[in-house]
C-alpha atoms as a PDB file:
ATOM      1  CA  UNK A   1       4.582 -67.033  18.110  1.00  0.00           C
ATOM      2  CA  UNK A   2       5.877 -70.084  16.275  1.00  0.00           C
ATOM      3  CA  UNK A   3       3.181 -72.339  14.908  1.00  0.00           C
ATOM      4  CA  UNK A   4       3.810 -76.078  14.676  1.00  0.00           C
ATOM      5  CA  UNK A   5       2.378 -75.999  11.161  1.00  0.00           C
ATOM      6  CA  UNK A   6       5.184 -73.585  10.206  1.00  0.00           C
ATOM      7  CA  UNK A   7       7.819 -76.213  10.963  1.00  0.00           C
ATOM      8  CA  UNK A   8       8.971 -78.353   8.049  1.00  0.00           C
ATOM      9  CA  UNK A   9       7.558 -81.873   8.280  1.00  0.00           C
ATOM     10  CA  UNK A  10      10.986 -83.568   8.618  1.00  0.00           C
ATOM     11  CA  UNK A  11      11.940 -81.275  11.520  1.00  0.00           C
ATOM     12  CA  UNK A  12       8.645 -81.965  13.277  1.00  0.00           C
ATOM     13  CA  UNK A  13       9.049 -85.720  12.777  1.00  0.00           C
ATOM     14  CA  UNK A  14      12.632 -85.582  14.084  1.00  0.00           C
ATOM     15  CA  UNK A  15      11.597 -83.542  17.112  1.00  0.00           C
ATOM     16  CA  UNK A  16       8.722 -85.862  18.010  1.00  0.00           C
ATOM     17  CA  UNK A  17      10.876 -88.946  17.377  1.00  0.00           C
ATOM     18  CA  UNK A  18      13.589 -87.537  19.628  1.00  0.00           C
ATOM     19  CA  UNK A  19      11.080 -86.879  22.405  1.00  0.00           C
ATOM     20  CA  UNK A  20       9.656 -90.392  22.067  1.00  0.00           C
ATOM     21  CA  UNK A  21      13.132 -91.953  22.188  1.00  0.00           C
ATOM     22  CA  UNK A  22      13.977 -89.781  25.195  1.00  0.00           C
ATOM     23  CA  UNK A  23      10.907 -91.074  27.040  1.00  0.00           C
ATOM     24  CA  UNK A  24      11.737 -94.678  26.134  1.00  0.00           C
ATOM     25  CA  UNK A  25      15.360 -94.198  27.220  1.00  0.00           C
ATOM     26  CA  UNK A  26      14.260 -92.636  30.500  1.00  0.00           C
ATOM     27  CA  UNK A  27      11.929 -95.559  31.217  1.00  0.00           C
ATOM     28  CA  UNK A  28      14.686 -98.076  30.446  1.00  0.00           C
ATOM     29  CA  UNK A  29      17.135 -96.150  32.648  1.00  0.00           C
ATOM     30  CA  UNK A  30      14.747 -96.117  35.596  1.00  0.00           C
ATOM     31  CA  UNK A  31      14.002 -99.838  35.260  1.00  0.00           C
ATOM     32  CA  UNK A  32      17.710-100.666  34.989  1.00  0.00           C
ATOM     33  CA  UNK A  33      18.517 -98.493  38.021  1.00  0.00           C
ATOM     34  CA  UNK A  34      15.871-100.233  40.134  1.00  0.00           C
ATOM     35  CA  UNK A  35      17.181-103.616  38.960  1.00  0.00           C
ATOM     36  CA  UNK A  36      20.782-102.647  39.830  1.00  0.00           C
ATOM     37  CA  UNK A  37      19.678-101.514  43.272  1.00  0.00           C
ATOM     38  CA  UNK A  38      17.998-104.883  43.841  1.00  0.00           C
ATOM     39  CA  UNK A  39      21.014-106.847  42.584  1.00  0.00           C
ATOM     40  CA  UNK A  40      23.490-104.968  44.790  1.00  0.00           C
ATOM     41  CA  UNK A  41      21.029-104.712  47.692  1.00  0.00           C
ATOM     42  CA  UNK A  42      21.381-100.945  48.002  1.00  0.00           C
ATOM     43  CA  UNK A  43      18.771 -98.244  48.219  1.00  0.00           C
ATOM     44  CA  UNK A  44      17.612 -96.982  44.811  1.00  0.00           C
ATOM     45  CA  UNK A  45      18.685 -93.500  45.959  1.00  0.00           C
ATOM     46  CA  UNK A  46      22.320 -94.676  45.975  1.00  0.00           C
ATOM     47  CA  UNK A  47      22.023 -95.913  42.381  1.00  0.00           C
ATOM     48  CA  UNK A  48      20.387 -92.611  41.457  1.00  0.00           C
ATOM     49  CA  UNK A  49      23.175 -90.637  43.110  1.00  0.00           C
ATOM     50  CA  UNK A  50      25.859 -92.622  41.289  1.00  0.00           C
ATOM     51  CA  UNK A  51      25.053 -94.584  38.129  1.00  0.00           C
ATOM     52  CA  UNK A  52      22.058 -92.560  36.928  1.00  0.00           C
ATOM     53  CA  UNK A  53      23.665 -89.257  37.925  1.00  0.00           C
ATOM     54  CA  UNK A  54      26.803 -90.046  35.921  1.00  0.00           C
ATOM     55  CA  UNK A  55      24.750 -90.893  32.852  1.00  0.00           C
ATOM     56  CA  UNK A  56      22.611 -87.779  33.012  1.00  0.00           C
ATOM     57  CA  UNK A  57      25.626 -85.588  33.803  1.00  0.00           C
ATOM     58  CA  UNK A  58      27.716 -86.709  30.825  1.00  0.00           C
ATOM     59  CA  UNK A  59      26.466 -83.937  28.478  1.00  0.00           C
ATOM     60  CA  UNK A  60      27.023 -81.312  31.180  1.00  0.00           C
ATOM     61  CA  UNK A  61      30.524 -82.669  31.784  1.00  0.00           C
ATOM     62  CA  UNK A  62      31.292 -82.372  28.068  1.00  0.00           C
ATOM     63  CA  UNK A  63      30.127 -78.737  28.032  1.00  0.00           C
ATOM     64  CA  UNK A  64      32.076 -77.872  31.188  1.00  0.00           C
ATOM     65  CA  UNK A  65      35.271 -79.564  29.980  1.00  0.00           C
ATOM     66  CA  UNK A  66      35.046 -77.822  26.616  1.00  0.00           C
ATOM     67  CA  UNK A  67      34.488 -74.491  28.373  1.00  0.00           C
ATOM     68  CA  UNK A  68      37.429 -75.104  30.713  1.00  0.00           C
ATOM     69  CA  UNK A  69      39.752 -76.071  27.842  1.00  0.00           C
ATOM     70  CA  UNK A  70      38.639 -72.905  26.019  1.00  0.00           C
ATOM     71  CA  UNK A  71      39.534 -70.846  29.110  1.00  0.00           C
ATOM     72  CA  UNK A  72      35.863 -70.057  29.772  1.00  0.00           C
ATOM     73  CA  UNK A  73      35.960 -71.248  33.353  1.00  0.00           C
ATOM     74  CA  UNK A  74      32.966 -69.123  34.360  1.00  0.00           C
ATOM     75  CA  UNK A  75      30.852 -71.098  31.877  1.00  0.00           C
ATOM     76  CA  UNK A  76      32.180 -74.382  33.283  1.00  0.00           C
ATOM     77  CA  UNK A  77      31.375 -73.446  36.885  1.00  0.00           C
ATOM     78  CA  UNK A  78      28.061 -71.801  35.990  1.00  0.00           C
ATOM     79  CA  UNK A  79      26.964 -74.846  34.025  1.00  0.00           C
ATOM     80  CA  UNK A  80      27.529 -77.190  36.955  1.00  0.00           C
ATOM     81  CA  UNK A  81      26.032 -74.993  39.659  1.00  0.00           C
ATOM     82  CA  UNK A  82      23.188 -73.791  37.435  1.00  0.00           C
ATOM     83  CA  UNK A  83      22.431 -77.376  36.434  1.00  0.00           C
ATOM     84  CA  UNK A  84      22.143 -78.407  40.077  1.00  0.00           C
ATOM     85  CA  UNK A  85      19.858 -75.502  40.903  1.00  0.00           C
ATOM     86  CA  UNK A  86      17.700 -76.208  37.829  1.00  0.00           C
ATOM     87  CA  UNK A  87      17.443 -79.908  38.672  1.00  0.00           C
ATOM     88  CA  UNK A  88      16.393 -79.271  42.260  1.00  0.00           C
ATOM     89  CA  UNK A  89      13.969 -76.438  41.638  1.00  0.00           C
ATOM     90  CA  UNK A  90      12.468 -77.110  38.214  1.00  0.00           C
ATOM     91  CA  UNK A  91      12.700 -80.850  37.652  1.00  0.00           C
ATOM     92  CA  UNK A  92      11.778 -81.893  41.197  1.00  0.00           C
ATOM     93  CA  UNK A  93       9.140 -79.158  41.257  1.00  0.00           C
ATOM     94  CA  UNK A  94       7.522 -80.387  38.035  1.00  0.00           C
ATOM     95  CA  UNK A  95       7.645 -83.999  39.209  1.00  0.00           C
ATOM     96  CA  UNK A  96       5.990 -83.072  42.492  1.00  0.00           C
ATOM     97  CA  UNK A  97       3.239 -81.218  40.631  1.00  0.00           C
ATOM     98  CA  UNK A  98       2.465 -84.377  38.664  1.00  0.00           C
ATOM     99  CA  UNK A  99       2.583 -86.779  41.606  1.00  0.00           C
ATOM    100  CA  UNK A 100       3.468 -86.131  45.249  1.00  0.00           C
ATOM    101  CA  UNK A 101       7.023 -87.239  45.945  1.00  0.00           C
ATOM    102  CA  UNK A 102       7.491 -89.396  49.021  1.00  0.00           C
ATOM    103  CA  UNK A 103      10.918 -88.771  50.481  1.00  0.00           C
ATOM    104  CA  UNK A 104      12.572 -90.752  53.268  1.00  0.00           C
ATOM    105  CA  UNK A 105      13.614 -88.815  56.361  1.00  0.00           C
ATOM    106  CA  UNK A 106      17.250 -89.723  55.703  1.00  0.00           C
ATOM    107  CA  UNK A 107      17.105 -87.884  52.382  1.00  0.00           C
ATOM    108  CA  UNK A 108      15.732 -84.761  54.063  1.00  0.00           C
ATOM    109  CA  UNK A 109      18.046 -84.842  57.066  1.00  0.00           C
ATOM    110  CA  UNK A 110      21.291 -86.174  55.581  1.00  0.00           C
ATOM    111  CA  UNK A 111      21.390 -86.345  51.784  1.00  0.00           C
ATOM    112  CA  UNK A 112      19.958 -82.918  50.919  1.00  0.00           C
ATOM    113  CA  UNK A 113      22.122 -81.033  53.456  1.00  0.00           C
ATOM    114  CA  UNK A 114      25.189 -82.876  52.088  1.00  0.00           C
ATOM    115  CA  UNK A 115      24.240 -81.876  48.531  1.00  0.00           C
ATOM    116  CA  UNK A 116      23.750 -78.243  49.571  1.00  0.00           C
ATOM    117  CA  UNK A 117      27.087 -78.328  51.391  1.00  0.00           C
ATOM    118  CA  UNK A 118      28.856 -79.763  48.343  1.00  0.00           C
ATOM    119  CA  UNK A 119      27.308 -77.081  46.139  1.00  0.00           C
ATOM    120  CA  UNK A 120      28.369 -74.324  48.559  1.00  0.00           C
ATOM    121  CA  UNK A 121      31.867 -75.824  48.720  1.00  0.00           C
ATOM    122  CA  UNK A 122      32.054 -75.786  44.909  1.00  0.00           C
ATOM    123  CA  UNK A 123      30.993 -72.138  44.870  1.00  0.00           C
ATOM    124  CA  UNK A 124      33.569 -71.282  47.533  1.00  0.00           C
ATOM    125  CA  UNK A 125      36.380 -73.129  45.764  1.00  0.00           C
ATOM    126  CA  UNK A 126      35.570 -71.502  42.434  1.00  0.00           C
ATOM    127  CA  UNK A 127      35.340 -67.986  43.863  1.00  0.00           C
ATOM    128  CA  UNK A 128      38.050 -65.954  42.154  1.00  0.00           C
ATOM    129  CA  UNK A 129      37.433 -62.706  43.996  1.00  0.00           C
ATOM    130  CA  UNK A 130      37.127 -60.869  40.680  1.00  0.00           C
END
């Protein structure tokens, strides 16, 4: 097993600095999203589904586009669908372990089924039959 003391000091400092900056960036993103929702008088969920989602999906889009341009379409599709599954199961699961998540009925009855439908549609459209 890798020991933290085995890591070179600069690598450890860079890793910890990156994690700290990630936490700061996440906090700023959440505050800005809540502020945008208030300015435009929309539910924070809408800002999360649009503005925040685009920002957090940018790295995944870069990977998928690169894979598609390299004719690795399975990687492109797998990255998107796998990312969605990971976000729903792992990230929401970890968040709910830390603090119970209160979810509006509309999210449970409308938004989540729409997301599942969109994911299933993406799988169906990408099915090559091979």
